């Protein structure tokens, strides 16, 4: 069956074209790299508020791209006591998507 991502991709491609979609996806993954870096430093600095804001941003960005499980994962980590392993798991999930979607 078609995933939320497939449906979202079809919408964006129809509105903007393949190239713009590819660019949006690339920007999304660039942004997530920044967000993950921010999460790691928020963790190290014990800045829970920053971490929450970053997770909220990631959730929104993932939702926009139709990556519903990444959005849900981000939401789940909000308000949890975040640790490095959880951030790494999120990073792994994102990079698995990036490899799959860039193919």
PDB file of N, CA and C in Angstrom:
ATOM      1  N   UNK A   1       0.822  -1.204   0.000  1.00  0.00           N
ATOM      2  CA  UNK A   1       0.000   0.000   0.000  1.00  0.00           C
ATOM      3  C   UNK A   1       0.854   1.252   0.000  1.00  0.00           C
ATOM      4  N   UNK A   2       0.216   2.368  -0.261  1.00  0.00           N
ATOM      5  CA  UNK A   2       0.963   3.622  -0.304  1.00  0.00           C
ATOM      6  C   UNK A   2       1.073   4.204   1.095  1.00  0.00           C
ATOM      7  N   UNK A   3       2.256   4.634   1.424  1.00  0.00           N
ATOM      8  CA  UNK A   3       2.489   5.210   2.741  1.00  0.00           C
ATOM      9  C   UNK A   3       2.094   6.682   2.737  1.00  0.00           C
ATOM     10  N   UNK A   4       2.065   7.274   3.923  1.00  0.00           N
ATOM     11  CA  UNK A   4       1.817   8.713   4.049  1.00  0.00           C
ATOM     12  C   UNK A   4       2.868   9.466   3.232  1.00  0.00           C
ATOM     13  N   UNK A   5       4.097   8.942   3.237  1.00  0.00           N
ATOM     14  CA  UNK A   5       5.164   9.586   2.480  1.00  0.00           C
ATOM     15  C   UNK A   5       4.857   9.574   0.978  1.00  0.00           C
ATOM     16  N   UNK A   6       4.416   8.425   0.473  1.00  0.00           N
ATOM     17  CA  UNK A   6       4.090   8.313  -0.962  1.00  0.00           C
ATOM     18  C   UNK A   6       3.005   9.316  -1.358  1.00  0.00           C
ATOM     19  N   UNK A   7       1.998   9.424  -0.503  1.00  0.00           N
ATOM     20  CA  UNK A   7       0.885  10.328  -0.796  1.00  0.00           C
ATOM     21  C   UNK A   7       1.358  11.778  -0.772  1.00  0.00           C
ATOM     22  N   UNK A   8       2.161  12.106   0.230  1.00  0.00           N
ATOM     23  CA  UNK A   8       2.673  13.465   0.362  1.00  0.00           C
ATOM     24  C   UNK A   8       3.585  13.803  -0.821  1.00  0.00           C
ATOM     25  N   UNK A   9       4.418  12.844  -1.186  1.00  0.00           N
ATOM     26  CA  UNK A   9       5.317  13.048  -2.319  1.00  0.00           C
ATOM     27  C   UNK A   9       4.503  13.333  -3.580  1.00  0.00           C
ATOM     28  N   UNK A  10       3.466  12.541  -3.804  1.00  0.00           N
ATOM     29  CA  UNK A  10       2.623  12.719  -4.984  1.00  0.00           C
ATOM     30  C   UNK A  10       2.006  14.119  -5.002  1.00  0.00           C
ATOM     31  N   UNK A  11       1.540  14.581  -3.825  1.00  0.00           N
ATOM     32  CA  UNK A  11       0.962  15.927  -3.719  1.00  0.00           C
ATOM     33  C   UNK A  11       1.985  16.994  -4.094  1.00  0.00           C
ATOM     34  N   UNK A  12       3.167  16.877  -3.502  1.00  0.00           N
ATOM     35  CA  UNK A  12       4.201  17.902  -3.718  1.00  0.00           C
ATOM     36  C   UNK A  12       4.689  17.877  -5.166  1.00  0.00           C
ATOM     37  N   UNK A  13       4.900  16.680  -5.689  1.00  0.00           N
ATOM     38  CA  UNK A  13       5.365  16.557  -7.077  1.00  0.00           C
ATOM     39  C   UNK A  13       4.322  17.153  -8.036  1.00  0.00           C
ATOM     40  N   UNK A  14       3.057  16.889  -7.742  1.00  0.00           N
ATOM     41  CA  UNK A  14       1.994  17.416  -8.594  1.00  0.00           C
ATOM     42  C   UNK A  14       1.968  18.950  -8.547  1.00  0.00           C
ATOM     43  N   UNK A  15       2.197  19.497  -7.354  1.00  0.00           N
ATOM     44  CA  UNK A  15       2.149  20.952  -7.194  1.00  0.00           C
ATOM     45  C   UNK A  15       3.425  21.631  -7.692  1.00  0.00           C
ATOM     46  N   UNK A  16       4.570  21.027  -7.423  1.00  0.00           N
ATOM     47  CA  UNK A  16       5.851  21.703  -7.640  1.00  0.00           C
ATOM     48  C   UNK A  16       6.780  21.024  -8.633  1.00  0.00           C
ATOM     49  N   UNK A  17       6.560  19.737  -8.866  1.00  0.00           N
ATOM     50  CA  UNK A  17       7.441  18.985  -9.762  1.00  0.00           C
ATOM     51  C   UNK A  17       8.480  18.167  -9.003  1.00  0.00           C
ATOM     52  N   UNK A  18       9.053  17.179  -9.702  1.00  0.00           N
ATOM     53  CA  UNK A  18      10.042  16.249  -9.128  1.00  0.00           C
ATOM     54  C   UNK A  18      11.250  16.971  -8.524  1.00  0.00           C
ATOM     55  N   UNK A  19      11.793  17.941  -9.294  1.00  0.00           N
ATOM     56  CA  UNK A  19      13.028  18.601  -8.871  1.00  0.00           C
ATOM     57  C   UNK A  19      12.844  19.328  -7.551  1.00  0.00           C
ATOM     58  N   UNK A  20      11.717  20.042  -7.456  1.00  0.00           N
ATOM     59  CA  UNK A  20      11.446  20.766  -6.222  1.00  0.00           C
ATOM     60  C   UNK A  20      11.240  19.802  -5.065  1.00  0.00           C
ATOM     61  N   UNK A  21      10.608  18.666  -5.359  1.00  0.00           N
ATOM     62  CA  UNK A  21      10.422  17.679  -4.292  1.00  0.00           C
ATOM     63  C   UNK A  21      11.776  17.183  -3.805  1.00  0.00           C
ATOM     64  N   UNK A  22      12.658  16.855  -4.741  1.00  0.00           N
ATOM     65  CA  UNK A  22      13.998  16.358  -4.378  1.00  0.00           C
ATOM     66  C   UNK A  22      14.728  17.395  -3.533  1.00  0.00           C
ATOM     67  N   UNK A  23      14.550  18.662  -3.907  1.00  0.00           N
ATOM     68  CA  UNK A  23      15.187  19.749  -3.168  1.00  0.00           C
ATOM     69  C   UNK A  23      14.609  19.878  -1.757  1.00  0.00           C
ATOM     70  N   UNK A  24      13.299  19.768  -1.653  1.00  0.00           N
ATOM     71  CA  UNK A  24      12.644  19.822  -0.341  1.00  0.00           C
ATOM     72  C   UNK A  24      13.144  18.705   0.556  1.00  0.00           C
ATOM     73  N   UNK A  25      13.274  17.521  -0.043  1.00  0.00           N
ATOM     74  CA  UNK A  25      13.720  16.366   0.722  1.00  0.00           C
ATOM     75  C   UNK A  25      15.156  16.575   1.208  1.00  0.00           C
ATOM     76  N   UNK A  26      15.982  17.106   0.322  1.00  0.00           N
ATOM     77  CA  UNK A  26      17.369  17.375   0.674  1.00  0.00           C
ATOM     78  C   UNK A  26      17.454  18.404   1.804  1.00  0.00           C
ATOM     79  N   UNK A  27      16.652  19.444   1.690  1.00  0.00           N
ATOM     80  CA  UNK A  27      16.600  20.477   2.730  1.00  0.00           C
ATOM     81  C   UNK A  27      16.134  19.876   4.047  1.00  0.00           C
ATOM     82  N   UNK A  28      15.131  18.992   3.969  1.00  0.00           N
ATOM     83  CA  UNK A  28      14.637  18.329   5.170  1.00  0.00           C
ATOM     84  C   UNK A  28      15.775  17.581   5.873  1.00  0.00           C
ATOM     85  N   UNK A  29      16.534  16.799   5.106  1.00  0.00           N
ATOM     86  CA  UNK A  29      17.619  16.029   5.722  1.00  0.00           C
ATOM     87  C   UNK A  29      18.753  16.930   6.222  1.00  0.00           C
ATOM     88  N   UNK A  30      19.027  18.029   5.522  1.00  0.00           N
ATOM     89  CA  UNK A  30      19.999  19.005   6.028  1.00  0.00           C
ATOM     90  C   UNK A  30      19.530  19.577   7.363  1.00  0.00           C
ATOM     91  N   UNK A  31      18.261  19.954   7.405  1.00  0.00           N
ATOM     92  CA  UNK A  31      17.691  20.510   8.629  1.00  0.00           C
ATOM     93  C   UNK A  31      17.746  19.505   9.771  1.00  0.00           C
ATOM     94  N   UNK A  32      17.452  18.246   9.448  1.00  0.00           N
ATOM     95  CA  UNK A  32      17.452  17.247  10.527  1.00  0.00           C
ATOM     96  C   UNK A  32      18.862  17.053  11.082  1.00  0.00           C
ATOM     97  N   UNK A  33      19.870  17.194  10.228  1.00  0.00           N
ATOM     98  CA  UNK A  33      21.249  17.110  10.743  1.00  0.00           C
ATOM     99  C   UNK A  33      21.505  18.205  11.765  1.00  0.00           C
ATOM    100  N   UNK A  34      21.048  19.414  11.448  1.00  0.00           N
ATOM    101  CA  UNK A  34      21.195  20.538  12.376  1.00  0.00           C
ATOM    102  C   UNK A  34      20.410  20.285  13.659  1.00  0.00           C
ATOM    103  N   UNK A  35      19.190  19.781  13.487  1.00  0.00           N
ATOM    104  CA  UNK A  35      18.336  19.517  14.649  1.00  0.00           C
ATOM    105  C   UNK A  35      18.971  18.466  15.555  1.00  0.00           C
ATOM    106  N   UNK A  36      19.498  17.394  14.949  1.00  0.00           N
ATOM    107  CA  UNK A  36      20.136  16.340  15.751  1.00  0.00           C
ATOM    108  C   UNK A  36      21.359  16.876  16.484  1.00  0.00           C
ATOM    109  N   UNK A  37      22.134  17.713  15.809  1.00  0.00           N
ATOM    110  CA  UNK A  37      23.283  18.346  16.458  1.00  0.00           C
ATOM    111  C   UNK A  37      22.836  19.203  17.627  1.00  0.00           C
ATOM    112  N   UNK A  38      21.762  19.950  17.409  1.00  0.00           N
ATOM    113  CA  UNK A  38      21.200  20.781  18.473  1.00  0.00           C
ATOM    114  C   UNK A  38      20.706  19.946  19.636  1.00  0.00           C
ATOM    115  N   UNK A  39      20.085  18.821  19.328  1.00  0.00           N
ATOM    116  CA  UNK A  39      19.589  17.928  20.386  1.00  0.00           C
ATOM    117  C   UNK A  39      20.741  17.386  21.216  1.00  0.00           C
ATOM    118  N   UNK A  40      21.825  17.008  20.521  1.00  0.00           N
ATOM    119  CA  UNK A  40      22.978  16.480  21.261  1.00  0.00           C
ATOM    120  C   UNK A  40      23.554  17.538  22.189  1.00  0.00           C
ATOM    121  N   UNK A  41      23.671  18.784  21.713  1.00  0.00           N
ATOM    122  CA  UNK A  41      24.251  19.791  22.589  1.00  0.00           C
ATOM    123  C   UNK A  41      23.276  20.221  23.690  1.00  0.00           C
ATOM    124  N   UNK A  42      21.976  20.179  23.394  1.00  0.00           N
ATOM    125  CA  UNK A  42      20.984  20.471  24.434  1.00  0.00           C
ATOM    126  C   UNK A  42      21.063  19.424  25.544  1.00  0.00           C
ATOM    127  N   UNK A  43      21.272  18.164  25.124  1.00  0.00           N
ATOM    128  CA  UNK A  43      21.420  17.075  26.079  1.00  0.00           C
ATOM    129  C   UNK A  43      22.637  17.289  26.963  1.00  0.00           C
ATOM    130  N   UNK A  44      23.768  17.575  26.308  1.00  0.00           N
ATOM    131  CA  UNK A  44      25.014  17.767  27.051  1.00  0.00           C
ATOM    132  C   UNK A  44      24.899  18.935  28.011  1.00  0.00           C
ATOM    133  N   UNK A  45      24.161  19.981  27.591  1.00  0.00           N
ATOM    134  CA  UNK A  45      24.026  21.160  28.434  1.00  0.00           C
ATOM    135  C   UNK A  45      22.848  21.088  29.389  1.00  0.00           C
ATOM    136  N   UNK A  46      22.121  19.979  29.336  1.00  0.00           N
ATOM    137  CA  UNK A  46      20.960  19.817  30.211  1.00  0.00           C
ATOM    138  C   UNK A  46      19.866  20.840  29.922  1.00  0.00           C
ATOM    139  N   UNK A  47      19.737  21.233  28.646  1.00  0.00           N
ATOM    140  CA  UNK A  47      18.726  22.237  28.283  1.00  0.00           C
ATOM    141  C   UNK A  47      17.489  21.546  27.706  1.00  0.00           C
ATOM    142  N   UNK A  48      16.649  21.087  28.586  1.00  0.00           N
ATOM    143  CA  UNK A  48      15.461  20.335  28.187  1.00  0.00           C
ATOM    144  C   UNK A  48      14.506  21.143  27.322  1.00  0.00           C
ATOM    145  N   UNK A  49      14.410  22.433  27.600  1.00  0.00           N
ATOM    146  CA  UNK A  49      13.513  23.298  26.851  1.00  0.00           C
ATOM    147  C   UNK A  49      13.941  23.380  25.383  1.00  0.00           C
ATOM    148  N   UNK A  50      15.252  23.521  25.173  1.00  0.00           N
ATOM    149  CA  UNK A  50      15.784  23.554  23.810  1.00  0.00           C
ATOM    150  C   UNK A  50      15.497  22.244  23.094  1.00  0.00           C
ATOM    151  N   UNK A  51      15.718  21.143  23.814  1.00  0.00           N
ATOM    152  CA  UNK A  51      15.484  19.821  23.226  1.00  0.00           C
ATOM    153  C   UNK A  51      14.021  19.692  22.803  1.00  0.00           C
ATOM    154  N   UNK A  52      13.123  20.164  23.654  1.00  0.00           N
ATOM    155  CA  UNK A  52      11.701  20.066  23.345  1.00  0.00           C
ATOM    156  C   UNK A  52      11.352  20.876  22.095  1.00  0.00           C
ATOM    157  N   UNK A  53      11.920  22.073  21.995  1.00  0.00           N
ATOM    158  CA  UNK A  53      11.674  22.947  20.853  1.00  0.00           C
ATOM    159  C   UNK A  53      12.191  22.284  19.560  1.00  0.00           C
ATOM    160  N   UNK A  54      13.364  21.676  19.646  1.00  0.00           N
ATOM    161  CA  UNK A  54      13.966  21.003  18.489  1.00  0.00           C
ATOM    162  C   UNK A  54      13.138  19.792  18.070  1.00  0.00           C
ATOM    163  N   UNK A  55      12.680  19.024  19.034  1.00  0.00           N
ATOM    164  CA  UNK A  55      11.846  17.858  18.724  1.00  0.00           C
ATOM    165  C   UNK A  55      10.532  18.294  18.089  1.00  0.00           C
ATOM    166  N   UNK A  56      10.000  19.415  18.568  1.00  0.00           N
ATOM    167  CA  UNK A  56       8.772  19.963  18.000  1.00  0.00           C
ATOM    168  C   UNK A  56       9.009  20.365  16.541  1.00  0.00           C
ATOM    169  N   UNK A  57      10.146  20.992  16.274  1.00  0.00           N
ATOM    170  CA  UNK A  57      10.494  21.407  14.909  1.00  0.00           C
ATOM    171  C   UNK A  57      10.657  20.186  14.003  1.00  0.00           C
ATOM    172  N   UNK A  58      11.310  19.151  14.533  1.00  0.00           N
ATOM    173  CA  UNK A  58      11.523  17.930  13.755  1.00  0.00           C
ATOM    174  C   UNK A  58      10.185  17.263  13.453  1.00  0.00           C
ATOM    175  N   UNK A  59       9.315  17.228  14.444  1.00  0.00           N
ATOM    176  CA  UNK A  59       7.996  16.638  14.262  1.00  0.00           C
ATOM    177  C   UNK A  59       7.264  17.342  13.122  1.00  0.00           C
ATOM    178  N   UNK A  60       7.288  18.674  13.129  1.00  0.00           N
ATOM    179  CA  UNK A  60       6.609  19.444  12.089  1.00  0.00           C
ATOM    180  C   UNK A  60       7.202  19.197  10.715  1.00  0.00           C
ATOM    181  N   UNK A  61       8.527  19.206  10.652  1.00  0.00           N
ATOM    182  CA  UNK A  61       9.215  19.005   9.373  1.00  0.00           C
ATOM    183  C   UNK A  61       8.931  17.613   8.820  1.00  0.00           C
ATOM    184  N   UNK A  62       8.968  16.613   9.699  1.00  0.00           N
ATOM    185  CA  UNK A  62       8.714  15.235   9.278  1.00  0.00           C
ATOM    186  C   UNK A  62       7.268  15.078   8.799  1.00  0.00           C
ATOM    187  N   UNK A  63       6.340  15.716   9.514  1.00  0.00           N
ATOM    188  CA  UNK A  63       4.932  15.671   9.107  1.00  0.00           C
ATOM    189  C   UNK A  63       4.754  16.271   7.719  1.00  0.00           C
ATOM    190  N   UNK A  64       5.421  17.390   7.484  1.00  0.00           N
ATOM    191  CA  UNK A  64       5.335  18.042   6.175  1.00  0.00           C
ATOM    192  C   UNK A  64       5.783  17.135   5.049  1.00  0.00           C
ATOM    193  N   UNK A  65       6.768  16.287   5.322  1.00  0.00           N
ATOM    194  CA  UNK A  65       7.294  15.390   4.301  1.00  0.00           C
ATOM    195  C   UNK A  65       6.537  14.053   4.269  1.00  0.00           C
ATOM    196  N   UNK A  66       5.547  13.908   5.135  1.00  0.00           N
ATOM    197  CA  UNK A  66       4.781  12.661   5.162  1.00  0.00           C
ATOM    198  C   UNK A  66       5.501  11.532   5.877  1.00  0.00           C
ATOM    199  N   UNK A  67       6.551  11.867   6.660  1.00  0.00           N
ATOM    200  CA  UNK A  67       7.279  10.833   7.412  1.00  0.00           C
ATOM    201  C   UNK A  67       6.632  10.697   8.791  1.00  0.00           C
ATOM    202  N   UNK A  68       5.466  10.055   8.768  1.00  0.00           N
ATOM    203  CA  UNK A  68       4.610  10.012   9.953  1.00  0.00           C
ATOM    204  C   UNK A  68       5.285   9.337  11.144  1.00  0.00           C
ATOM    205  N   UNK A  69       6.061   8.278  10.886  1.00  0.00           N
ATOM    206  CA  UNK A  69       6.660   7.578  12.025  1.00  0.00           C
ATOM    207  C   UNK A  69       7.784   8.402  12.662  1.00  0.00           C
ATOM    208  N   UNK A  70       8.506   9.180  11.855  1.00  0.00           N
ATOM    209  CA  UNK A  70       9.524  10.074  12.416  1.00  0.00           C
ATOM    210  C   UNK A  70       8.836  11.158  13.250  1.00  0.00           C
ATOM    211  N   UNK A  71       7.730  11.672  12.733  1.00  0.00           N
ATOM    212  CA  UNK A  71       6.964  12.680  13.475  1.00  0.00           C
ATOM    213  C   UNK A  71       6.485  12.112  14.812  1.00  0.00           C
ATOM    214  N   UNK A  72       5.960  10.878  14.774  1.00  0.00           N
ATOM    215  CA  UNK A  72       5.462  10.241  15.993  1.00  0.00           C
ATOM    216  C   UNK A  72       6.608   9.986  16.976  1.00  0.00           C
ATOM    217  N   UNK A  73       7.730   9.540  16.445  1.00  0.00           N
ATOM    218  CA  UNK A  73       8.924   9.272  17.250  1.00  0.00           C
ATOM    219  C   UNK A  73       9.377  10.558  17.953  1.00  0.00           C
ATOM    220  N   UNK A  74       9.403  11.660  17.213  1.00  0.00           N
ATOM    221  CA  UNK A  74       9.809  12.950  17.771  1.00  0.00           C
ATOM    222  C   UNK A  74       8.868  13.374  18.887  1.00  0.00           C
ATOM    223  N   UNK A  75       7.571  13.207  18.624  1.00  0.00           N
ATOM    224  CA  UNK A  75       6.563  13.585  19.618  1.00  0.00           C
ATOM    225  C   UNK A  75       6.719  12.758  20.886  1.00  0.00           C
ATOM    226  N   UNK A  76       7.003  11.482  20.692  1.00  0.00           N
ATOM    227  CA  UNK A  76       7.160  10.551  21.802  1.00  0.00           C
ATOM    228  C   UNK A  76       8.320  10.964  22.719  1.00  0.00           C
ATOM    229  N   UNK A  77       9.390  11.491  22.104  1.00  0.00           N
ATOM    230  CA  UNK A  77      10.566  11.870  22.876  1.00  0.00           C
ATOM    231  C   UNK A  77      10.374  13.194  23.618  1.00  0.00           C
ATOM    232  N   UNK A  78       9.382  13.977  23.184  1.00  0.00           N
ATOM    233  CA  UNK A  78       9.107  15.228  23.885  1.00  0.00           C
ATOM    234  C   UNK A  78       8.565  14.894  25.265  1.00  0.00           C
ATOM    235  N   UNK A  79       9.084  15.551  26.262  1.00  0.00           N
ATOM    236  CA  UNK A  79       8.588  15.293  27.607  1.00  0.00           C
ATOM    237  C   UNK A  79       9.139  14.007  28.207  1.00  0.00           C
ATOM    238  N   UNK A  80       9.848  13.213  27.415  1.00  0.00           N
ATOM    239  CA  UNK A  80      10.523  12.036  27.975  1.00  0.00           C
ATOM    240  C   UNK A  80      11.860  12.523  28.529  1.00  0.00           C
ATOM    241  N   UNK A  81      12.475  11.733  29.388  1.00  0.00           N
ATOM    242  CA  UNK A  81      13.814  12.139  29.799  1.00  0.00           C
ATOM    243  C   UNK A  81      14.758  11.648  28.713  1.00  0.00           C
ATOM    244  N   UNK A  82      15.112  12.580  27.870  1.00  0.00           N
ATOM    245  CA  UNK A  82      15.885  12.293  26.668  1.00  0.00           C
ATOM    246  C   UNK A  82      17.290  11.848  27.041  1.00  0.00           C
ATOM    247  N   UNK A  83      17.795  10.824  26.356  1.00  0.00           N
ATOM    248  CA  UNK A  83      19.199  10.464  26.534  1.00  0.00           C
ATOM    249  C   UNK A  83      19.866  10.268  25.179  1.00  0.00           C
ATOM    250  N   UNK A  84      21.182  10.140  25.219  1.00  0.00           N
ATOM    251  CA  UNK A  84      21.967  10.064  23.983  1.00  0.00           C
ATOM    252  C   UNK A  84      21.532   8.885  23.105  1.00  0.00           C
ATOM    253  N   UNK A  85      21.157   7.777  23.718  1.00  0.00           N
ATOM    254  CA  UNK A  85      20.736   6.601  22.954  1.00  0.00           C
ATOM    255  C   UNK A  85      19.479   6.898  22.142  1.00  0.00           C
ATOM    256  N   UNK A  86      18.558   7.649  22.750  1.00  0.00           N
ATOM    257  CA  UNK A  86      17.310   7.980  22.057  1.00  0.00           C
ATOM    258  C   UNK A  86      17.579   8.907  20.876  1.00  0.00           C
ATOM    259  N   UNK A  87      18.486   9.862  21.086  1.00  0.00           N
ATOM    260  CA  UNK A  87      18.844  10.767  19.989  1.00  0.00           C
ATOM    261  C   UNK A  87      19.510   9.968  18.870  1.00  0.00           C
ATOM    262  N   UNK A  88      20.365   9.023  19.244  1.00  0.00           N
ATOM    263  CA  UNK A  88      21.035   8.173  18.260  1.00  0.00           C
ATOM    264  C   UNK A  88      20.029   7.320  17.491  1.00  0.00           C
ATOM    265  N   UNK A  89      19.036   6.786  18.191  1.00  0.00           N
ATOM    266  CA  UNK A  89      18.006   5.966  17.541  1.00  0.00           C
ATOM    267  C   UNK A  89      17.238   6.799  16.510  1.00  0.00           C
ATOM    268  N   UNK A  90      16.954   8.052  16.874  1.00  0.00           N
ATOM    269  CA  UNK A  90      16.273   8.958  15.966  1.00  0.00           C
ATOM    270  C   UNK A  90      17.167   9.246  14.760  1.00  0.00           C
ATOM    271  N   UNK A  91      18.441   9.486  15.007  1.00  0.00           N
ATOM    272  CA  UNK A  91      19.413   9.732  13.932  1.00  0.00           C
ATOM    273  C   UNK A  91      19.484   8.529  12.996  1.00  0.00           C
ATOM    274  N   UNK A  92      19.489   7.323  13.571  1.00  0.00           N
ATOM    275  CA  UNK A  92      19.547   6.102  12.767  1.00  0.00           C
ATOM    276  C   UNK A  92      18.305   5.956  11.894  1.00  0.00           C
ATOM    277  N   UNK A  93      17.148   6.246  12.470  1.00  0.00           N
ATOM    278  CA  UNK A  93      15.890   6.147  11.724  1.00  0.00           C
ATOM    279  C   UNK A  93      15.906   7.129  10.553  1.00  0.00           C
ATOM    280  N   UNK A  94      16.394   8.343  10.810  1.00  0.00           N
ATOM    281  CA  UNK A  94      16.466   9.353   9.757  1.00  0.00           C
ATOM    282  C   UNK A  94      17.445   8.947   8.670  1.00  0.00           C
ATOM    283  N   UNK A  95      18.594   8.415   9.057  1.00  0.00           N
ATOM    284  CA  UNK A  95      19.568   8.071   8.020  1.00  0.00           C
ATOM    285  C   UNK A  95      19.122   6.855   7.222  1.00  0.00           C
ATOM    286  N   UNK A  96      18.368   5.955   7.847  1.00  0.00           N
ATOM    287  CA  UNK A  96      17.800   4.824   7.095  1.00  0.00           C
ATOM    288  C   UNK A  96      16.834   5.349   6.025  1.00  0.00           C
ATOM    289  N   UNK A  97      16.007   6.316   6.391  1.00  0.00           N
ATOM    290  CA  UNK A  97      15.110   6.941   5.429  1.00  0.00           C
ATOM    291  C   UNK A  97      15.881   7.632   4.315  1.00  0.00           C
ATOM    292  N   UNK A  98      16.915   8.338   4.726  1.00  0.00           N
ATOM    293  CA  UNK A  98      17.667   9.095   3.725  1.00  0.00           C
ATOM    294  C   UNK A  98      18.259   8.152   2.675  1.00  0.00           C
ATOM    295  N   UNK A  99      18.788   7.027   3.117  1.00  0.00           N
ATOM    296  CA  UNK A  99      19.357   6.054   2.176  1.00  0.00           C
ATOM    297  C   UNK A  99      18.268   5.467   1.292  1.00  0.00           C
ATOM    298  N   UNK A 100      17.130   5.141   1.904  1.00  0.00           N
ATOM    299  CA  UNK A 100      16.036   4.526   1.162  1.00  0.00           C
ATOM    300  C   UNK A 100      15.454   5.512   0.134  1.00  0.00           C
ATOM    301  N   UNK A 101      15.277   6.766   0.546  1.00  0.00           N
ATOM    302  CA  UNK A 101      14.577   7.730  -0.299  1.00  0.00           C
ATOM    303  C   UNK A 101      15.489   8.348  -1.360  1.00  0.00           C
ATOM    304  N   UNK A 102      16.779   8.351  -1.077  1.00  0.00           N
ATOM    305  CA  UNK A 102      17.728   8.920  -2.034  1.00  0.00           C
ATOM    306  C   UNK A 102      18.013   7.925  -3.161  1.00  0.00           C
ATOM    307  N   UNK A 103      17.705   6.664  -2.895  1.00  0.00           N
ATOM    308  CA  UNK A 103      17.986   5.607  -3.870  1.00  0.00           C
ATOM    309  C   UNK A 103      17.258   5.834  -5.195  1.00  0.00           C
TER     310      UNK A 103
END
